[in-house]
């Protein structure tokens, strides 16, 4: 039988790649929901729809009633929510916007979904940012957010956990480290570094780029989310991460080497970001044991794919803004 999957935030980087994976498999009918459309270079599911994908332009903050009405009509077995105000630094400027989307909208959405017999699993795409600076931690680590973004995501997760405890709400949480891959937002460090090197511009490394991140390829993340989605939705939390982390500086240096640039000539050191945590290195033993998941795409391969994507779409990319543009 065909399984119906709603993907909220369908045109986000992670949401679009997850849909692309779903459409490669014949057993899923996918309903995408997002507030913005994008160029097809950012939507890898384009061309794979084959009558099994429908898109609805809706906003978690402004179209909740219509969205819930759509769900009642479709009765999806699975809902995977990627939608969020996701940028860390800008969350200091308008923290209420982050709490509006990442907390209040999540409260309204999940509270309305509670008790729906047709829902087998609601998957909340969370973040290890809620732990604060962390190294080698498991899913039982305490919350210690360092930014408004992290605090807003933690609050949303905590509300869902109250529904799980009191009503057996069928939910699963995904917390992955820094995702990357072809089609990522241009202001993110990996595509930004590639683009700046092609343009001959200098890349600013906050705090010298010493912060350590664990970079997971978007395909590996999508595979893990799919396996978690197909579980029973019993409130489990799954970390999805590679075995080790890399400093931002080392990532930019790898890109420079691949593009024939001298690292010292294409970078500059600037002040550290407010609330920047020193490291995100989390353990994914639970996902490996319970989901049979492990990352397969190496950082070297993934960076090559990112460079190739920028080169292949350079004419379009040059005309697009390279900085983050905030939308409430």
Protein backbone atom coordinates (compact mmCIF):
# COMPACT_ATOMS: atom_id res chain seq x y z
CA UNK A 1 0.00 0.00 0.00
CA UNK A 2 1.05 3.57 -0.65
CA UNK A 3 2.08 5.46 2.47
CA UNK A 4 1.25 9.15 2.71
CA UNK A 5 4.01 11.40 4.02
CA UNK A 6 3.62 15.11 4.71
CA UNK A 7 6.89 17.06 4.68
CA UNK A 8 6.62 20.48 6.31
CA UNK A 9 9.46 22.72 5.16
CA UNK A 10 9.54 20.83 1.87
CA UNK A 11 11.69 23.43 0.12
CA UNK A 12 14.25 23.74 2.87
CA UNK A 13 17.64 22.22 2.11
CA UNK A 14 17.03 19.12 4.22
CA UNK A 15 13.34 18.86 3.39
CA UNK A 16 13.90 18.95 -0.36
CA UNK A 17 16.56 16.23 -0.23
CA UNK A 18 14.38 14.08 2.00
CA UNK A 19 11.54 14.33 -0.52
CA UNK A 20 13.98 13.42 -3.28
CA UNK A 21 14.83 10.22 -1.39
CA UNK A 22 11.16 9.39 -0.76
CA UNK A 23 10.29 9.79 -4.44
CA UNK A 24 13.01 7.32 -5.40
CA UNK A 25 10.92 4.69 -3.63
CA UNK A 26 7.56 3.66 -5.06
CA UNK A 27 5.74 3.13 -1.76
CA UNK A 28 5.41 6.80 -0.80
CA UNK A 29 3.00 9.54 -1.80
CA UNK A 30 4.45 12.87 -0.69
CA UNK A 31 2.71 16.12 0.22
CA UNK A 32 5.10 19.06 0.47
CA UNK A 33 4.30 22.19 2.47
CA UNK A 34 6.42 25.32 2.45
CA UNK A 35 6.01 29.09 2.54
CA UNK A 36 8.46 29.84 -0.28
CA UNK A 37 9.23 28.40 -3.69
CA UNK A 38 12.80 28.19 -4.93
CA UNK A 39 14.86 27.75 -8.05
CA UNK A 40 14.96 24.14 -9.19
CA UNK A 41 18.71 24.04 -8.56
CA UNK A 42 17.83 23.91 -4.84
CA UNK A 43 15.06 21.31 -5.24
CA UNK A 44 16.54 17.91 -6.12
CA UNK A 45 13.10 16.28 -6.15
CA UNK A 46 12.20 18.14 -9.36
CA UNK A 47 11.73 15.66 -12.19
CA UNK A 48 11.05 12.76 -9.81
CA UNK A 49 7.44 13.59 -8.95
CA UNK A 50 5.75 11.05 -11.29
CA UNK A 51 2.31 11.95 -9.96
CA UNK A 52 3.28 11.08 -6.38
CA UNK A 53 4.03 14.61 -5.16
CA UNK A 54 1.75 17.54 -4.36
CA UNK A 55 2.87 20.94 -3.13
CA UNK A 56 0.96 23.42 -0.98
CA UNK A 57 2.10 26.96 -0.25
CA UNK A 58 1.43 27.35 3.48
CA UNK A 59 3.06 28.93 6.51
CA UNK A 60 3.14 27.36 9.98
CA UNK A 61 2.56 30.74 11.58
CA UNK A 62 -0.20 32.06 9.33
CA UNK A 63 -1.97 29.08 7.77
CA UNK A 64 -2.35 26.62 10.64
CA UNK A 65 -6.11 26.20 10.24
CA UNK A 66 -5.81 25.47 6.51
CA UNK A 67 -2.90 23.12 7.14
CA UNK A 68 -4.82 21.14 9.74
CA UNK A 69 -7.80 20.96 7.39
CA UNK A 70 -5.52 19.54 4.70
CA UNK A 71 -4.25 16.90 7.11
CA UNK A 72 -7.80 15.84 7.99
CA UNK A 73 -8.54 15.41 4.30
CA UNK A 74 -5.33 13.54 3.46
CA UNK A 75 -4.91 11.60 6.74
CA UNK A 76 -1.15 11.06 6.38
CA UNK A 77 0.51 8.22 8.24
CA UNK A 78 3.67 10.28 8.67
CA UNK A 79 4.43 13.97 9.17
CA UNK A 80 8.06 15.10 9.08
CA UNK A 81 8.64 18.68 10.18
CA UNK A 82 11.75 20.47 8.91
CA UNK A 83 10.21 23.95 9.16
CA UNK A 84 12.05 26.30 11.52
CA UNK A 85 13.78 29.60 11.96
CA UNK A 86 17.15 27.90 11.78
CA UNK A 87 19.88 30.52 11.78
CA UNK A 88 21.78 30.87 15.05
CA UNK A 89 23.46 34.28 14.89
CA UNK A 90 20.44 36.32 13.73
CA UNK A 91 18.28 34.80 16.47
CA UNK A 92 19.73 37.38 18.87
CA UNK A 93 18.26 40.21 16.80
CA UNK A 94 14.62 39.05 16.76
CA UNK A 95 14.32 36.24 19.32
CA UNK A 96 10.53 36.46 19.35
CA UNK A 97 10.47 35.42 15.67
CA UNK A 98 12.41 32.27 16.53
CA UNK A 99 10.11 31.39 19.44
CA UNK A 100 7.04 32.12 17.31
CA UNK A 101 8.05 29.51 14.72
CA UNK A 102 10.16 27.04 16.70
CA UNK A 103 8.05 26.94 19.85
CA UNK A 104 4.55 28.44 19.57
CA UNK A 105 3.83 27.03 16.09
CA UNK A 106 5.09 23.62 17.20
CA UNK A 107 2.86 23.75 20.27
CA UNK A 108 -0.17 24.61 18.12
CA UNK A 109 0.65 22.00 15.48
CA UNK A 110 1.41 19.02 17.70
CA UNK A 111 -1.37 19.77 20.19
CA UNK A 112 -3.83 19.75 17.27
CA UNK A 113 -2.39 16.48 15.95
CA UNK A 114 -2.61 14.78 19.33
CA UNK A 115 -5.17 11.97 19.27
CA UNK A 116 -5.37 11.62 15.47
CA UNK A 117 -5.69 7.88 14.87
CA UNK A 118 -4.36 8.11 11.31
CA UNK A 119 -0.98 9.49 12.45
CA UNK A 120 1.66 6.79 13.01
CA UNK A 121 4.70 9.01 13.55
CA UNK A 122 5.34 12.73 13.79
CA UNK A 123 9.07 13.35 13.22
CA UNK A 124 10.43 16.56 14.69
CA UNK A 125 13.73 17.70 13.17
CA UNK A 126 15.48 18.99 16.26
CA UNK A 127 19.10 20.09 16.80
CA UNK A 128 22.08 19.27 19.06
CA UNK A 129 22.34 23.03 19.62
CA UNK A 130 19.96 22.48 22.54
CA UNK A 131 22.82 20.77 24.41
CA UNK A 132 25.14 23.76 24.11
CA UNK A 133 28.82 22.98 23.52
CA UNK A 134 29.09 19.20 23.50
CA UNK A 135 31.53 16.41 22.79
CA UNK A 136 30.79 12.69 22.56
CA UNK A 137 27.35 12.95 24.16
CA UNK A 138 24.38 10.61 23.91
CA UNK A 139 20.65 11.30 23.58
CA UNK A 140 20.36 11.47 27.40
CA UNK A 141 22.46 14.66 27.66
CA UNK A 142 20.82 17.57 29.53
CA UNK A 143 19.69 20.69 27.68
CA UNK A 144 21.99 23.69 27.99
CA UNK A 145 21.15 26.08 25.10
CA UNK A 146 23.46 29.01 24.40
CA UNK A 147 21.36 31.05 21.93
CA UNK A 148 17.74 32.10 21.36
CA UNK A 149 17.62 29.65 18.45
CA UNK A 150 18.71 26.74 20.63
CA UNK A 151 16.37 27.75 23.45
CA UNK A 152 13.39 28.00 21.08
CA UNK A 153 14.07 24.54 19.64
CA UNK A 154 14.50 23.07 23.12
CA UNK A 155 11.17 24.55 24.23
CA UNK A 156 9.37 23.05 21.22
CA UNK A 157 10.88 19.64 21.90
CA UNK A 158 9.95 19.80 25.57
CA UNK A 159 6.30 20.48 24.76
CA UNK A 160 6.16 17.49 22.40
CA UNK A 161 7.68 15.38 25.17
CA UNK A 162 4.80 16.36 27.49
CA UNK A 163 2.36 15.07 24.85
CA UNK A 164 4.32 11.84 24.65
CA UNK A 165 4.34 11.36 28.43
CA UNK A 166 0.68 12.17 28.99
CA UNK A 167 -1.05 11.01 25.79
CA UNK A 168 1.39 8.61 24.07
CA UNK A 169 1.65 11.06 21.17
CA UNK A 170 3.49 9.20 18.38
CA UNK A 171 6.65 11.23 17.87
CA UNK A 172 10.32 10.80 17.07
CA UNK A 173 13.11 13.37 17.36
CA UNK A 174 16.09 13.75 15.01
CA UNK A 175 19.17 15.67 16.14
CA UNK A 176 21.88 15.81 13.53
CA UNK A 177 25.12 17.71 13.39
CA UNK A 178 26.01 20.18 10.64
CA UNK A 179 24.43 19.02 7.41
CA UNK A 180 25.95 19.91 4.04
CA UNK A 181 25.76 18.89 0.40
CA UNK A 182 24.85 20.13 -3.08
CA UNK A 183 22.00 22.63 -3.10
CA UNK A 184 22.65 24.06 0.35
CA UNK A 185 21.76 27.69 1.16
CA UNK A 186 24.45 29.91 -0.33
CA UNK A 187 25.22 31.72 2.93
CA UNK A 188 26.29 28.50 4.67
CA UNK A 189 30.04 28.13 5.17
CA UNK A 190 30.73 25.39 2.60
CA UNK A 191 28.91 26.85 -0.44
CA UNK A 192 29.91 30.35 0.68
CA UNK A 193 33.59 29.37 0.76
CA UNK A 194 33.41 27.83 -2.70
CA UNK A 195 31.59 30.84 -4.16
CA UNK A 196 33.90 33.39 -2.53
CA UNK A 197 36.97 31.57 -3.82
CA UNK A 198 35.53 31.61 -7.34
CA UNK A 199 34.78 35.33 -7.00
CA UNK A 200 38.16 36.18 -5.50
CA UNK A 201 36.56 37.41 -2.26
CA UNK A 202 37.94 36.90 1.26
CA UNK A 203 36.17 34.46 3.59
CA UNK A 204 35.71 35.64 7.18
CA UNK A 205 36.43 32.98 9.80
CA UNK A 206 34.68 33.82 13.06
CA UNK A 207 37.01 33.18 15.98
CA UNK A 208 39.61 31.97 13.50
CA UNK A 209 37.38 29.06 12.50
CA UNK A 210 38.39 27.06 15.57
CA UNK A 211 34.87 25.82 16.41
CA UNK A 212 34.56 22.09 15.75
CA UNK A 213 31.57 20.77 13.80
CA UNK A 214 30.60 17.28 12.65
CA UNK A 215 29.61 17.57 8.99
CA UNK A 216 27.06 15.03 7.77
CA UNK A 217 26.16 14.69 4.10
CA UNK A 218 22.54 15.43 3.29
CA UNK A 219 22.02 12.00 1.71
CA UNK A 220 23.19 10.23 4.86
CA UNK A 221 20.92 12.44 6.96
CA UNK A 222 17.92 11.71 4.70
CA UNK A 223 18.51 7.97 4.97
CA UNK A 224 18.60 8.19 8.76
CA UNK A 225 15.43 10.27 8.94
CA UNK A 226 13.59 7.80 6.71
CA UNK A 227 14.56 4.86 8.92
CA UNK A 228 13.49 6.77 12.04
CA UNK A 229 10.20 7.76 10.39
CA UNK A 230 9.35 4.12 9.78
CA UNK A 231 9.66 3.27 13.49
CA UNK A 232 6.70 3.13 15.89
CA UNK A 233 6.89 6.76 17.05
CA UNK A 234 7.45 6.12 20.74
CA UNK A 235 9.23 9.33 21.66
CA UNK A 236 12.71 8.13 20.72
CA UNK A 237 15.52 10.59 20.08
CA UNK A 238 18.12 9.71 17.44
CA UNK A 239 21.45 11.41 16.89
CA UNK A 240 22.71 11.34 13.30
CA UNK A 241 26.35 12.25 13.02
CA UNK A 242 29.70 11.10 11.63
CA UNK A 243 32.32 9.67 13.97
CA UNK A 244 34.45 12.79 14.31
CA UNK A 245 34.41 16.54 13.91
CA UNK A 246 36.43 19.08 11.95
CA UNK A 247 37.19 22.68 12.71
CA UNK A 248 35.58 25.18 10.36
CA UNK A 249 39.10 26.34 9.50
CA UNK A 250 40.10 22.85 8.36
CA UNK A 251 36.97 22.53 6.20
CA UNK A 252 37.72 25.82 4.43
CA UNK A 253 41.34 24.74 3.96
CA UNK A 254 40.22 21.48 2.34
CA UNK A 255 38.07 23.47 -0.08
CA UNK A 256 40.94 25.85 -0.83
CA UNK A 257 43.26 22.93 -1.57
CA UNK A 258 40.70 21.34 -3.90
CA UNK A 259 40.22 24.63 -5.75
CA UNK A 260 43.92 25.39 -6.06
CA UNK A 261 43.81 28.36 -3.67
CA UNK A 262 46.18 29.34 -0.86
CA UNK A 263 44.24 29.21 2.41
CA UNK A 264 45.97 32.21 4.01
CA UNK A 265 45.25 34.37 0.97
CA UNK A 266 41.51 33.66 0.80
CA UNK A 267 40.62 33.92 4.51
CA UNK A 268 40.63 36.46 7.32
CA UNK A 269 40.08 36.09 11.06
CA UNK A 270 37.20 38.06 12.63
CA UNK A 271 35.59 38.11 16.06
CA UNK A 272 33.72 35.08 17.33
CA UNK A 273 29.94 34.88 16.97
CA UNK A 274 27.92 35.58 20.12
CA UNK A 275 26.92 32.28 21.72
CA UNK A 276 29.11 30.18 19.41
CA UNK A 277 29.68 26.81 21.04
CA UNK A 278 33.17 25.38 20.84
CA UNK A 279 32.20 21.95 19.58
CA UNK A 280 29.38 19.76 18.34
CA UNK A 281 30.44 16.13 18.39
CA UNK A 282 27.63 13.75 19.27
CA UNK A 283 27.40 9.97 19.45
CA UNK A 284 25.15 8.09 17.02
CA UNK A 285 25.48 4.61 18.53
CA UNK A 286 21.73 4.37 19.15
CA UNK A 287 20.83 5.04 15.49
CA UNK A 288 23.42 2.49 14.40
CA UNK A 289 22.10 -0.16 16.78
CA UNK A 290 18.35 0.42 16.43
CA UNK A 291 18.04 1.73 12.87
CA UNK A 292 20.99 -0.03 11.24
CA UNK A 293 22.15 3.40 10.08
CA UNK A 294 25.64 4.72 9.53
CA UNK A 295 27.01 7.54 7.36
CA UNK A 296 28.46 6.36 4.05
CA UNK A 297 29.55 9.49 2.17
CA UNK A 298 33.02 10.74 3.08
CA UNK A 299 33.76 14.41 3.64
CA UNK A 300 36.13 14.39 0.66
CA UNK A 301 33.42 13.03 -1.64
CA UNK A 302 30.83 15.41 -0.25
CA UNK A 303 33.01 18.49 -0.73
CA UNK A 304 33.74 17.42 -4.31
CA UNK A 305 29.97 17.19 -4.93
CA UNK A 306 29.46 20.69 -3.49
CA UNK A 307 32.16 22.20 -5.70
CA UNK A 308 30.72 20.42 -8.74
CA UNK A 309 27.22 21.71 -7.93
CA UNK A 310 28.43 25.31 -7.69
CA UNK A 311 30.37 24.98 -10.95
CA UNK A 312 27.42 23.38 -12.77
CA UNK A 313 25.01 26.11 -11.64
CA UNK A 314 27.41 29.04 -11.62
CA UNK A 315 25.46 31.19 -14.07
CA UNK A 316 22.36 31.06 -11.85
CA UNK A 317 24.24 31.30 -8.55
CA UNK A 318 26.06 34.48 -9.56
CA UNK A 319 22.74 36.32 -9.79
CA UNK A 320 21.50 35.23 -6.34
CA UNK A 321 22.08 36.95 -2.97
CA UNK A 322 24.86 35.35 -0.94
CA UNK A 323 23.83 36.63 2.49
CA UNK A 324 21.13 35.42 4.85
CA UNK A 325 17.86 37.34 4.43
CA UNK A 326 15.59 37.12 7.43
CA UNK A 327 11.87 36.45 6.99
CA UNK A 328 9.56 36.38 10.00
